[in-house]
Amino acid sequence: MFDKKIYINRRNRLRDKIQNGLVLLLGNPASPQNCLANHLHYRQDSSFLYYFGLDFENLAAVLDVDENKDYIFGDDVDIEDIIWMGPQESIREKADKTGVENTAPFNQLSDLLKKAIKQKRKIHFLPQYRAENIILLENLLGIHSLQINNYVSKELIKAVVSMRSVKEQCEIEDLEKFEDVAYEMHVTAMKMAKPGIIEQKIAGTIEGIGYAYGGLMSFPPIVSIHGETLHNPYHKNILQKGDMLLTDAGAESPMRYATDITRTVPVGGKFSQKQKEIYQIVLDAQTNTIKISKPNVTYQSVHIDAMRVITEGLKKLGIMKGNTEQAVQQGAPALFCPHGLGHMIGLDCHDMESLGEDFVGYDKETKRSNIFGYNALRLGRKLQTNFIMSDEPGIYFIPELIDKWKAEKKFTEFINYKKLEDYKNFGGIRIEDDLLVTKTGCRVLGKHIPKTIKEIEDTMAE
């Protein structure tokens, strides 16, 4: 946990952003893996962590905006719990660590909320993603479970997003410190990428590195020779010379701050000429993002600029053609990069995504595009100092998508489908770093992970 003054300050700032009523924040329960006594790795709700810092199951909290009081609800363990889990801190001790004076058994939460409902006080809560908490809210508030997320508080969502988007120094320091673990994970994956190795061995090894430093994985790692499948969960392929291995992986710090890094490397350690050409285009787009990202620039415009770099690069290879600006504005490069340039990073890998992408990534000034590929951009709004976001352009040759567009004669003035036949089995390349927006620009967080062609080949030769 951070110092309790940080959590007290956050809750006070949140109260100032809410007009009246109660703010209800539910912690997460444990999730059974296959029986009630066998749990998956525990993960606390990120907004609960942000305002209370307590990484324990079966807690709930209330901020009374009108009376300026905070409450934590939870139950102390009994002797049967102690036998299986050992001695545990009391709810009172946990509350003291986060600066909360008022505690009560969990079942008293219902009494507090029923009283507030009777008084016609507003109860603010965030969108729910855990089935257990949806059912709990149904019981607490009398709203049918299927309707729970229709009653969330937009006022609370906007307040939380405004706070969690701009990272405090303690958050930046914690996340950057754990970027060194990401370095170890990705350099290890590079050195393991040899013919005859199964993807699962690499995936398991880098997961072990993340766990060894006390965190969970930020998301299920993507370790695949088929990088053209953007979120490929399959790890059973055997690496062969001529393949490229895409590794998209990150781990959470013990404080639950996420890293998210991608590298794509040639199996065996040497890029072919064709691989070098495509890789360099992606790298140019990725490094261009670092050069131009700064406060008050929209990330949507940075995404568009990355598409310009990709279009120009593919034109030099004869894969694209025609007027670059027209191709970019109409969305032609989305055939090769059908996802957005990046997303917020923080206590979630896709930070605050459960609160709604449009609340997090867009605002009244910047609206989501309706162009295929561009509409997948999770972060489009103006950047602010101390935003942390991913920078992850890619070029992918997806045979099914190529065939579909070709059959539809889509963008024939910009895409050379005949030339594309030579690339349909190429796969995909993505390069990703985590960026911190500074007062005048941005910088890559953490230790430099090899990403130039020479750096990667030299690292893999060690």
Protein backbone atom coordinates (compact mmCIF):
# COMPACT_ATOMS: atom_id res chain seq x y z
CA MET A 1 0.00 0.00 0.00
CA PHE A 2 0.93 3.63 -0.41
CA ASP A 3 0.88 5.93 2.62
CA LYS A 4 -2.66 6.25 3.96
CA LYS A 5 -2.59 10.02 3.33
CA ILE A 6 -2.67 9.26 -0.40
CA TYR A 7 -5.91 7.28 -0.07
CA ILE A 8 -7.47 9.86 2.24
CA ASN A 9 -6.63 12.61 -0.26
CA ARG A 10 -8.06 10.60 -3.15
CA ARG A 11 -11.33 9.99 -1.36
CA ASN A 12 -11.64 13.66 -0.41
CA ARG A 13 -11.02 14.70 -4.01
CA LEU A 14 -13.62 12.20 -5.19
CA ARG A 15 -16.17 13.56 -2.72
CA ASP A 16 -15.57 17.05 -4.08
CA LYS A 17 -16.49 15.84 -7.58
CA ILE A 18 -19.82 14.25 -6.50
CA GLN A 19 -22.74 16.55 -5.71
CA ASN A 20 -24.48 14.44 -3.09
CA GLY A 21 -25.44 10.97 -1.91
CA LEU A 22 -23.43 7.83 -1.24
CA VAL A 23 -20.62 6.33 -3.31
CA LEU A 24 -20.68 2.55 -3.12
CA LEU A 25 -17.48 0.73 -4.10
CA LEU A 26 -17.49 -3.06 -4.04
CA GLY A 27 -14.32 -5.03 -3.59
CA ASN A 28 -14.06 -8.33 -5.43
CA PRO A 29 -14.85 -11.71 -3.90
CA ALA A 30 -12.65 -14.73 -4.55
CA SER A 31 -13.45 -16.66 -7.75
CA PRO A 32 -13.54 -20.46 -7.60
CA GLN A 33 -11.44 -22.25 -10.21
CA ASN A 34 -13.35 -25.52 -10.02
CA CYS A 35 -14.71 -25.73 -6.48
CA LEU A 36 -15.37 -23.31 -3.65
CA ALA A 37 -12.18 -24.22 -1.80
CA ASN A 38 -9.92 -23.87 -4.87
CA HIS A 39 -9.64 -20.25 -5.99
CA LEU A 40 -8.13 -18.56 -8.99
CA HIS A 41 -5.39 -16.03 -8.21
CA TYR A 42 -7.14 -13.22 -6.39
CA ARG A 43 -7.49 -9.81 -8.09
CA GLN A 44 -9.03 -6.86 -6.29
CA ASP A 45 -11.21 -4.36 -8.15
CA SER A 46 -8.97 -1.59 -9.46
CA SER A 47 -11.12 1.36 -8.40
CA PHE A 48 -11.48 -0.12 -4.91
CA LEU A 49 -7.67 -0.42 -4.83
CA TYR A 50 -7.26 3.16 -6.02
CA TYR A 51 -9.36 4.67 -3.24
CA PHE A 52 -8.70 2.22 -0.41
CA GLY A 53 -5.57 0.20 -1.28
CA LEU A 54 -6.86 -2.93 0.48
CA ASP A 55 -6.03 -6.02 -1.56
CA PHE A 56 -8.32 -8.43 0.26
CA GLU A 57 -11.46 -10.27 -0.70
CA ASN A 58 -15.02 -9.69 0.53
CA LEU A 59 -14.82 -5.99 1.33
CA ALA A 60 -17.10 -3.10 0.42
CA ALA A 61 -16.82 0.61 1.05
CA VAL A 62 -19.10 3.62 1.17
CA LEU A 63 -18.19 7.29 0.89
CA ASP A 64 -20.91 9.47 2.38
CA VAL A 65 -20.62 12.68 0.36
CA ASP A 66 -23.05 14.66 2.50
CA GLU A 67 -21.71 13.70 5.93
CA ASN A 68 -18.02 13.47 4.92
CA LYS A 69 -17.64 9.93 6.27
CA ASP A 70 -16.06 6.77 4.90
CA TYR A 71 -17.05 3.21 5.83
CA ILE A 72 -15.46 -0.19 5.26
CA PHE A 73 -17.64 -3.28 5.56
CA GLY A 74 -16.15 -6.72 6.06
CA ASP A 75 -15.98 -9.67 8.44
CA ASP A 76 -13.13 -10.77 10.67
CA VAL A 77 -11.93 -14.33 10.25
CA ASP A 78 -12.95 -17.07 12.66
CA ILE A 79 -10.91 -19.99 13.99
CA GLU A 80 -11.77 -22.21 11.01
CA ASP A 81 -10.35 -19.57 8.66
CA ILE A 82 -7.23 -19.27 10.80
CA ILE A 83 -6.67 -23.04 10.67
CA TRP A 84 -6.53 -22.96 6.87
CA MET A 85 -5.11 -19.49 6.23
CA GLY A 86 -3.26 -18.49 9.38
CA PRO A 87 -3.87 -15.34 11.47
CA GLN A 88 -5.32 -12.41 9.52
CA GLU A 89 -5.51 -8.69 10.16
CA SER A 90 -8.82 -7.52 11.58
CA ILE A 91 -11.09 -5.23 9.59
CA ARG A 92 -10.21 -2.49 12.06
CA GLU A 93 -6.49 -2.93 11.39
CA LYS A 94 -7.08 -2.88 7.64
CA ALA A 95 -9.18 0.27 7.92
CA ASP A 96 -6.47 2.02 9.94
CA LYS A 97 -3.98 1.43 7.12
CA THR A 98 -6.15 3.36 4.67
CA GLY A 99 -7.32 6.06 7.08
CA VAL A 100 -10.95 4.98 7.50
CA GLU A 101 -12.54 5.49 10.92
CA ASN A 102 -15.84 3.64 10.45
CA THR A 103 -16.01 -0.15 10.10
CA ALA A 104 -18.87 -2.63 10.32
CA PRO A 105 -19.67 -6.28 9.56
CA PHE A 106 -20.52 -6.89 5.92
CA ASN A 107 -24.22 -7.58 6.58
CA GLN A 108 -24.65 -4.03 7.95
CA LEU A 109 -23.99 -2.63 4.45
CA SER A 110 -27.54 -3.58 3.56
CA ASP A 111 -28.92 -1.63 6.53
CA LEU A 112 -27.02 1.52 5.54
CA LEU A 113 -28.19 1.34 1.93
CA LYS A 114 -31.82 0.58 2.84
CA LYS A 115 -31.85 3.66 5.07
CA ALA A 116 -30.40 5.77 2.23
CA ILE A 117 -32.99 4.43 -0.22
CA LYS A 118 -35.79 5.19 2.22
CA GLN A 119 -34.44 8.75 2.53
CA LYS A 120 -34.35 8.94 -1.30
CA ARG A 121 -30.61 9.61 -1.27
CA LYS A 122 -28.69 8.91 -4.47
CA ILE A 123 -26.46 5.84 -4.45
CA HIS A 124 -23.61 6.04 -6.94
CA PHE A 125 -21.93 2.88 -8.19
CA LEU A 126 -19.67 1.92 -11.10
CA PRO A 127 -20.31 -0.58 -13.92
CA GLN A 128 -19.99 -4.15 -12.71
CA TYR A 129 -18.11 -6.97 -14.46
CA ARG A 130 -18.17 -9.71 -11.80
CA ALA A 131 -21.34 -11.83 -11.70
CA GLU A 132 -21.10 -12.16 -7.92
CA ASN A 133 -21.15 -8.39 -7.45
CA ILE A 134 -24.01 -7.94 -9.89
CA ILE A 135 -26.07 -10.40 -7.83
CA LEU A 136 -24.96 -8.65 -4.64
CA LEU A 137 -26.14 -5.29 -5.96
CA GLU A 138 -29.45 -6.84 -6.96
CA ASN A 139 -29.95 -7.90 -3.34
CA LEU A 140 -28.69 -4.61 -1.89
CA LEU A 141 -30.54 -2.18 -4.17
CA GLY A 142 -33.53 -4.15 -5.42
CA ILE A 143 -32.53 -3.72 -9.08
CA HIS A 144 -32.80 -6.79 -11.32
CA SER A 145 -29.37 -8.20 -12.14
CA LEU A 146 -29.92 -7.75 -15.89
CA GLN A 147 -30.59 -4.06 -15.31
CA ILE A 148 -27.77 -3.24 -12.88
CA ASN A 149 -25.47 -1.61 -15.42
CA ASN A 150 -28.33 0.57 -16.65
CA TYR A 151 -28.29 2.33 -13.27
CA VAL A 152 -24.59 3.12 -12.95
CA SER A 153 -23.63 6.68 -12.07
CA LYS A 154 -22.15 8.59 -15.01
CA GLU A 155 -21.25 11.32 -12.54
CA LEU A 156 -19.13 8.82 -10.60
CA ILE A 157 -17.61 7.29 -13.75
CA LYS A 158 -16.46 10.71 -14.99
CA ALA A 159 -15.06 11.61 -11.58
CA VAL A 160 -13.09 8.36 -11.30
CA VAL A 161 -11.78 8.62 -14.86
CA SER A 162 -10.65 12.21 -14.32
CA MET A 163 -8.61 11.11 -11.31
CA ARG A 164 -7.22 7.76 -12.41
CA SER A 165 -6.20 9.06 -15.86
CA VAL A 166 -3.56 11.41 -14.46
CA LYS A 167 -1.01 9.32 -12.58
CA GLU A 168 0.52 10.45 -9.29
CA GLN A 169 4.28 10.25 -8.78
CA CYS A 170 3.95 7.23 -6.49
CA GLU A 171 2.06 5.39 -9.25
CA ILE A 172 4.63 6.28 -11.91
CA GLU A 173 7.48 5.13 -9.70
CA ASP A 174 5.80 1.80 -8.92
CA LEU A 175 4.96 1.07 -12.55
CA GLU A 176 8.37 2.10 -13.87
CA LYS A 177 10.15 -0.04 -11.32
CA PHE A 178 8.22 -3.06 -12.57
CA GLU A 179 9.08 -2.30 -16.20
CA ASP A 180 12.44 -3.93 -15.39
CA VAL A 181 10.53 -7.19 -14.98
CA ALA A 182 9.02 -6.67 -18.44
CA TYR A 183 12.58 -6.26 -19.76
CA GLU A 184 13.57 -9.62 -18.29
CA MET A 185 10.44 -11.29 -19.67
CA HIS A 186 10.91 -10.06 -23.22
CA VAL A 187 14.68 -10.52 -23.47
CA THR A 188 14.18 -14.07 -22.18
CA ALA A 189 11.55 -14.70 -24.86
CA MET A 190 13.91 -13.39 -27.54
CA LYS A 191 16.72 -15.70 -26.50
CA MET A 192 14.37 -18.69 -26.38
CA ALA A 193 12.99 -18.11 -29.89
CA LYS A 194 14.84 -20.93 -31.61
CA PRO A 195 13.71 -23.59 -34.09
CA GLY A 196 12.16 -26.60 -32.41
CA ILE A 197 10.85 -24.74 -29.33
CA ILE A 198 7.12 -24.90 -28.61
CA GLU A 199 5.41 -21.57 -27.96
CA GLN A 200 4.04 -22.84 -24.63
CA LYS A 201 7.53 -23.22 -23.17
CA ILE A 202 8.27 -19.56 -23.83
CA ALA A 203 4.86 -18.46 -22.57
CA GLY A 204 5.26 -20.49 -19.38
CA THR A 205 8.76 -19.21 -18.78
CA ILE A 206 7.87 -15.54 -19.03
CA GLU A 207 4.76 -16.05 -16.90
CA GLY A 208 7.04 -17.57 -14.26
CA ILE A 209 9.22 -14.46 -14.33
CA GLY A 210 6.21 -12.25 -13.68
CA TYR A 211 4.99 -14.41 -10.81
CA ALA A 212 8.49 -14.62 -9.33
CA TYR A 213 8.49 -10.87 -8.72
CA GLY A 214 5.25 -10.97 -6.75
CA GLY A 215 2.68 -9.92 -9.30
CA LEU A 216 0.11 -11.52 -11.58
CA MET A 217 0.20 -11.36 -15.36
CA SER A 218 -1.44 -8.16 -16.66
CA PHE A 219 -3.35 -10.30 -19.19
CA PRO A 220 -2.98 -13.79 -20.70
CA PRO A 221 0.28 -13.54 -22.70
CA ILE A 222 0.21 -13.67 -26.49
CA VAL A 223 3.16 -15.77 -27.67
CA SER A 224 2.63 -16.78 -31.27
CA ILE A 225 4.22 -17.30 -34.67
CA HIS A 226 0.84 -16.23 -36.05
CA GLY A 227 1.02 -12.59 -35.10
CA GLU A 228 -1.64 -11.78 -37.68
CA THR A 229 -4.19 -13.06 -35.14
CA LEU A 230 -4.21 -10.04 -32.85
CA HIS A 231 -5.09 -11.72 -29.52
CA ASN A 232 -3.88 -15.22 -30.31
CA PRO A 233 -4.34 -17.48 -27.24
CA TYR A 234 -2.90 -20.61 -28.90
CA HIS A 235 0.56 -21.72 -27.71
CA LYS A 236 1.01 -25.15 -29.33
CA ASN A 237 2.97 -24.25 -32.48
CA ILE A 238 6.56 -25.42 -32.89
CA LEU A 239 8.90 -22.60 -33.92
CA GLN A 240 10.66 -23.04 -37.25
CA LYS A 241 13.34 -21.06 -39.04
CA GLY A 242 11.69 -18.35 -41.12
CA ASP A 243 8.91 -17.76 -38.56
CA MET A 244 8.56 -14.59 -36.55
CA LEU A 245 7.52 -14.81 -32.91
CA LEU A 246 5.23 -12.10 -31.57
CA THR A 247 5.29 -11.81 -27.78
CA ASP A 248 2.77 -9.44 -26.19
CA ALA A 249 3.05 -9.76 -22.43
CA GLY A 250 3.21 -7.82 -19.21
CA ALA A 251 3.02 -8.38 -15.49
CA GLU A 252 1.42 -6.52 -12.63
CA SER A 253 3.48 -5.13 -9.80
CA PRO A 254 2.54 -6.28 -6.28
CA MET A 255 0.65 -2.95 -6.11
CA ARG A 256 -1.27 -4.12 -9.25
CA TYR A 257 0.11 -1.58 -11.72
CA ALA A 258 0.33 -3.13 -15.17
CA THR A 259 3.01 -3.30 -17.84
CA ASP A 260 2.19 -4.09 -21.48
CA ILE A 261 5.04 -4.65 -23.95
CA THR A 262 5.22 -6.30 -27.38
CA ARG A 263 8.22 -7.42 -29.37
CA THR A 264 8.35 -9.41 -32.62
CA VAL A 265 11.55 -11.31 -33.42
CA PRO A 266 12.81 -13.71 -36.10
CA VAL A 267 13.02 -17.33 -35.01
CA GLY A 268 16.70 -18.25 -35.05
CA GLY A 269 17.88 -14.68 -34.62
CA LYS A 270 18.15 -13.28 -38.15
CA PHE A 271 15.54 -11.26 -40.05
CA SER A 272 15.03 -12.09 -43.72
CA GLN A 273 15.09 -9.15 -46.13
CA LYS A 274 11.29 -9.18 -46.43
CA GLN A 275 10.93 -9.29 -42.64
CA LYS A 276 13.38 -6.41 -42.22
CA GLU A 277 11.42 -4.25 -44.63
CA ILE A 278 8.07 -4.72 -42.89
CA TYR A 279 9.60 -4.57 -39.42
CA GLN A 280 11.31 -1.24 -40.12
CA ILE A 281 8.03 0.33 -41.23
CA VAL A 282 6.38 -0.68 -37.94
CA LEU A 283 9.39 0.58 -35.98
CA ASP A 284 9.28 3.90 -37.83
CA ALA A 285 5.60 4.30 -36.93
CA GLN A 286 6.28 3.35 -33.31
CA THR A 287 9.20 5.73 -32.82
CA ASN A 288 7.34 8.52 -34.63
CA THR A 289 4.62 8.24 -31.98
CA ILE A 290 7.23 8.82 -29.28
CA LYS A 291 8.49 11.92 -31.11
CA ILE A 292 5.12 13.63 -31.57
CA SER A 293 3.13 12.66 -28.45
CA LYS A 294 2.84 15.51 -25.96
CA PRO A 295 0.23 17.36 -23.88
CA ASN A 296 -2.76 18.80 -25.76
CA VAL A 297 -2.17 16.61 -28.82
CA THR A 298 -4.99 14.12 -29.42
CA TYR A 299 -3.92 10.50 -29.57
CA GLN A 300 -6.41 10.14 -32.40
CA SER A 301 -4.23 12.47 -34.50
CA VAL A 302 -1.14 10.50 -33.46
CA HIS A 303 -2.86 7.30 -34.60
CA ILE A 304 -3.61 8.90 -37.98
CA ASP A 305 0.03 9.94 -38.28
CA ALA A 306 1.11 6.34 -37.58
CA MET A 307 -1.16 5.25 -40.44
CA ARG A 308 0.62 7.78 -42.70
CA VAL A 309 3.99 6.26 -41.83
CA ILE A 310 2.67 2.75 -42.51
CA THR A 311 1.09 3.81 -45.81
CA GLU A 312 4.26 5.51 -47.04
CA GLY A 313 6.35 2.50 -46.07
CA LEU A 314 4.04 0.02 -47.80
CA LYS A 315 3.95 2.23 -50.91
CA LYS A 316 7.73 1.94 -51.20
CA LEU A 317 7.32 -1.85 -51.26
CA GLY A 318 4.56 -1.67 -53.86
CA ILE A 319 1.92 -3.05 -51.49
CA MET A 320 0.05 0.25 -51.33
CA LYS A 321 -0.23 2.98 -53.95
CA GLY A 322 -1.96 6.23 -54.78
CA ASN A 323 -2.36 9.40 -52.73
CA THR A 324 -1.20 8.82 -49.14
CA GLU A 325 -3.46 11.43 -47.54
CA GLN A 326 -6.57 10.15 -49.31
CA ALA A 327 -5.71 6.55 -48.42
CA VAL A 328 -5.24 7.43 -44.76
CA GLN A 329 -8.36 9.58 -44.47
CA GLN A 330 -10.52 6.88 -46.06
CA GLY A 331 -9.10 4.09 -43.87
CA ALA A 332 -7.21 1.97 -46.42
CA PRO A 333 -4.24 1.19 -44.10
CA ALA A 334 -6.65 -0.46 -41.65
CA LEU A 335 -6.33 -3.58 -43.83
CA PHE A 336 -2.84 -3.90 -42.37
CA CYS A 337 -3.47 -2.41 -38.92
CA PRO A 338 -7.09 -3.04 -37.88
CA HIS A 339 -6.56 -1.95 -34.27
CA GLY A 340 -5.88 1.31 -32.46
CA LEU A 341 -2.47 2.76 -31.69
CA GLY A 342 -2.86 2.47 -27.95
CA HIS A 343 -4.79 2.62 -24.70
CA MET A 344 -4.43 3.93 -21.16
CA ILE A 345 -2.28 1.90 -18.75
CA GLY A 346 -2.44 1.93 -14.95
CA LEU A 347 -4.12 -0.34 -12.44
CA ASP A 348 -5.51 -2.20 -15.45
CA CYS A 349 -3.64 -3.13 -18.61
CA HIS A 350 -6.46 -1.45 -20.56
CA ASP A 351 -6.89 1.07 -17.79
CA MET A 352 -10.47 1.65 -16.62
CA GLU A 353 -11.91 -0.20 -19.61
CA SER A 354 -14.66 -1.65 -17.38
CA LEU A 355 -15.92 1.93 -16.86
CA GLY A 356 -16.56 2.35 -20.59
CA GLU A 357 -14.04 3.02 -23.36
CA ASP A 358 -15.74 6.20 -24.52
CA PHE A 359 -15.61 7.70 -21.01
CA VAL A 360 -11.90 6.86 -20.72
CA GLY A 361 -10.62 7.47 -24.24
CA TYR A 362 -12.91 10.17 -25.65
CA ASP A 363 -14.64 13.37 -24.60
CA LYS A 364 -16.85 16.15 -25.96
CA GLU A 365 -14.03 17.40 -28.19
CA THR A 366 -12.81 14.06 -29.56
CA LYS A 367 -15.30 11.52 -30.87
CA ARG A 368 -14.61 7.92 -31.87
CA SER A 369 -14.16 7.38 -35.61
CA ASN A 370 -16.66 5.22 -37.50
CA ILE A 371 -13.98 4.00 -39.95
CA PHE A 372 -13.06 0.31 -39.69
CA GLY A 373 -9.83 -0.10 -37.72
CA TYR A 374 -9.78 3.51 -36.58
CA ASN A 375 -12.91 2.83 -34.52
CA ALA A 376 -10.87 0.31 -32.49
CA LEU A 377 -8.69 3.11 -31.07
CA ARG A 378 -9.28 2.98 -27.31
CA LEU A 379 -7.57 6.30 -26.51
CA GLY A 380 -8.32 9.23 -28.79
CA ARG A 381 -8.62 12.34 -26.61
CA LYS A 382 -6.06 15.02 -25.84
CA LEU A 383 -3.04 13.81 -23.92
CA GLN A 384 -2.26 15.30 -20.52
CA THR A 385 0.91 15.35 -18.45
CA ASN A 386 1.25 12.08 -16.51
CA PHE A 387 -0.98 10.04 -18.78
CA ILE A 388 0.49 6.59 -19.31
CA MET A 389 -0.48 4.82 -22.52
CA SER A 390 0.67 2.12 -24.90
CA ASP A 391 2.28 2.83 -28.27
CA GLU A 392 1.68 -0.29 -30.37
CA PRO A 393 1.41 0.04 -34.14
CA GLY A 394 1.53 -3.11 -36.23
CA ILE A 395 1.39 -4.50 -39.73
CA TYR A 396 -0.55 -7.73 -40.21
CA PHE A 397 -1.33 -9.77 -43.28
CA ILE A 398 -4.64 -11.45 -42.43
CA PRO A 399 -5.51 -13.77 -45.36
CA GLU A 400 -9.25 -13.82 -44.68
CA LEU A 401 -9.45 -10.02 -44.43
CA ILE A 402 -7.34 -9.58 -47.58
CA ASP A 403 -9.59 -11.98 -49.49
CA LYS A 404 -12.72 -10.21 -48.25
CA TRP A 405 -11.55 -6.74 -49.27
CA LYS A 406 -10.24 -8.04 -52.58
CA ALA A 407 -13.59 -9.70 -53.38
CA GLU A 408 -15.35 -6.45 -52.51
CA LYS A 409 -12.87 -4.51 -54.69
CA LYS A 410 -12.29 -2.28 -51.70
CA PHE A 411 -9.70 0.51 -51.98
CA THR A 412 -8.30 -0.83 -55.26
CA GLU A 413 -6.91 2.64 -55.92
CA PHE A 414 -4.74 2.33 -52.79
CA ILE A 415 -4.02 -1.40 -52.38
CA ASN A 416 -2.05 -3.59 -54.80
CA TYR A 417 -3.83 -6.91 -54.26
CA LYS A 418 -1.61 -8.68 -56.81
CA LYS A 419 1.50 -7.75 -54.82
CA LEU A 420 -0.26 -8.77 -51.60
CA GLU A 421 -0.38 -12.41 -52.75
CA ASP A 422 3.35 -12.56 -51.96
CA TYR A 423 2.67 -11.58 -48.34
CA LYS A 424 -0.44 -13.57 -47.40
CA ASN A 425 1.61 -16.06 -45.37
CA PHE A 426 3.83 -13.39 -43.83
CA GLY A 427 2.12 -13.20 -40.43
CA GLY A 428 2.17 -10.04 -38.34
CA ILE A 429 4.49 -7.63 -36.55
CA ARG A 430 3.69 -5.43 -33.57
CA ILE A 431 6.05 -3.30 -31.47
CA GLU A 432 4.81 -1.84 -28.19
CA ASP A 433 6.19 0.30 -25.39
CA ASP A 434 4.56 2.03 -22.42
CA LEU A 435 4.79 5.83 -22.65
CA LEU A 436 4.60 8.51 -19.96
CA VAL A 437 3.44 11.94 -21.13
CA THR A 438 5.74 14.61 -19.70
CA LYS A 439 5.30 18.39 -19.57
CA THR A 440 6.90 18.84 -23.00
CA GLY A 441 6.65 15.45 -24.74
CA CYS A 442 6.76 11.83 -23.67
CA ARG A 443 9.24 9.10 -22.78
CA VAL A 444 9.34 5.33 -22.73
CA LEU A 445 9.02 3.91 -19.23
CA GLY A 446 11.59 1.49 -17.89
CA LYS A 447 14.79 -0.07 -19.13
CA HIS A 448 15.22 -0.05 -22.90
CA ILE A 449 14.06 -3.37 -24.36
CA PRO A 450 15.82 -4.19 -27.65
CA LYS A 451 13.68 -3.20 -30.62
CA THR A 452 15.87 -2.12 -33.54
CA ILE A 453 16.80 -4.83 -36.03
CA LYS A 454 20.44 -4.77 -34.91
CA GLU A 455 19.56 -4.74 -31.20
CA ILE A 456 17.28 -7.74 -31.59
CA GLU A 457 19.74 -9.74 -33.69
CA ASP A 458 22.59 -8.95 -31.28
CA THR A 459 20.48 -9.94 -28.26
CA MET A 460 19.36 -13.20 -29.84
CA ALA A 461 22.97 -14.02 -30.75
CA GLU A 462 24.10 -13.86 -27.11
